[in-house]
Amino acid sequence: MNTIEEFSSVTTALEQFIARENETIALYERSLHALGDTIVTPVLHQLIDEKRQQRRTLEAALEEVNEQFVLDEAII
């Protein structure tokens, strides 16, 4: 896993974090499909929901950063 110092920008870091959330969601969804209806199904659904919320939070942060860049460029 990269440390924050290894990212070239905040945007790059957020994009990478979003990609990781997407990978994790896909893994959990594949696990759900592979396992079928078992005792861990509710847990996997909960984890997927949490990861989707984290992804939405990261996407909102990325949008906010991008909007700030646009404003900064307009000022300059």
Protein backbone atom coordinates (compact mmCIF):
# COMPACT_ATOMS: atom_id res chain seq x y z
CA MET A 1 0.00 0.00 0.00
CA ASN A 2 1.29 3.44 -0.90
CA THR A 3 1.82 6.02 1.77
CA ILE A 4 0.36 9.45 1.20
CA GLU A 5 3.83 10.84 0.40
CA GLU A 6 4.03 8.54 -2.63
CA PHE A 7 1.03 10.14 -4.34
CA SER A 8 1.71 13.00 -6.72
CA SER A 9 -1.41 14.92 -5.71
CA VAL A 10 -4.46 14.87 -3.50
CA THR A 11 -6.54 14.07 -6.56
CA THR A 12 -4.37 11.07 -7.38
CA ALA A 13 -4.59 9.83 -3.81
CA LEU A 14 -8.38 10.11 -3.73
CA GLU A 15 -8.70 8.40 -7.11
CA GLN A 16 -6.50 5.55 -5.86
CA PHE A 17 -8.54 5.22 -2.67
CA ILE A 18 -11.76 5.10 -4.71
CA ALA A 19 -10.26 2.40 -6.94
CA ARG A 20 -9.34 0.35 -3.86
CA GLU A 21 -12.86 0.67 -2.49
CA ASN A 22 -14.20 -0.53 -5.86
CA GLU A 23 -11.85 -3.53 -5.76
CA THR A 24 -12.93 -4.40 -2.23
CA ILE A 25 -16.62 -4.09 -3.12
CA ALA A 26 -16.09 -6.37 -6.12
CA LEU A 27 -14.29 -8.92 -3.91
CA TYR A 28 -17.13 -8.96 -1.39
CA GLU A 29 -19.72 -9.26 -4.17
CA ARG A 30 -17.82 -12.19 -5.72
CA SER A 31 -17.66 -13.80 -2.28
CA LEU A 32 -21.41 -13.36 -1.86
CA HIS A 33 -22.02 -15.03 -5.19
CA ALA A 34 -19.57 -17.86 -4.49
CA LEU A 35 -20.80 -18.58 -0.97
CA GLY A 36 -24.49 -18.26 -1.64
CA ASP A 37 -26.87 -17.93 1.28
CA THR A 38 -24.80 -18.72 4.37
CA ILE A 39 -24.31 -17.42 7.88
CA VAL A 40 -21.83 -14.81 6.58
CA THR A 41 -24.21 -13.38 3.95
CA PRO A 42 -25.56 -10.60 6.23
CA VAL A 43 -22.03 -9.65 7.23
CA LEU A 44 -20.93 -9.42 3.61
CA HIS A 45 -23.97 -7.28 2.78
CA GLN A 46 -23.10 -4.97 5.67
CA LEU A 47 -19.46 -4.74 4.56
CA ILE A 48 -20.53 -3.95 1.00
CA ASP A 49 -22.84 -1.20 2.23
CA GLU A 50 -20.08 0.28 4.40
CA LYS A 51 -17.58 0.21 1.53
CA ARG A 52 -20.10 1.85 -0.81
CA GLN A 53 -20.63 4.61 1.76
CA GLN A 54 -16.87 5.08 2.09
CA ARG A 55 -16.60 5.26 -1.70
CA ARG A 56 -19.35 7.90 -1.84
CA THR A 57 -17.53 9.90 0.83
CA LEU A 58 -14.28 9.71 -1.14
CA GLU A 59 -16.06 10.64 -4.37
CA ALA A 60 -17.60 13.67 -2.66
CA ALA A 61 -14.18 14.71 -1.37
CA LEU A 62 -12.71 14.32 -4.86
CA GLU A 63 -15.49 16.43 -6.34
CA GLU A 64 -14.91 19.09 -3.70
CA VAL A 65 -11.17 19.15 -4.41
CA ASN A 66 -11.78 19.39 -8.15
CA GLU A 67 -14.26 22.24 -7.65
CA GLN A 68 -11.72 24.06 -5.51
CA PHE A 69 -9.09 23.64 -8.23
CA VAL A 70 -11.50 25.14 -10.77
CA LEU A 71 -12.16 28.08 -8.46
CA ASP A 72 -8.45 28.56 -7.84
CA GLU A 73 -7.76 28.53 -11.58
CA ALA A 74 -10.53 31.06 -12.18
CA ILE A 75 -9.03 33.39 -9.59
CA ILE A 76 -5.56 33.13 -11.11
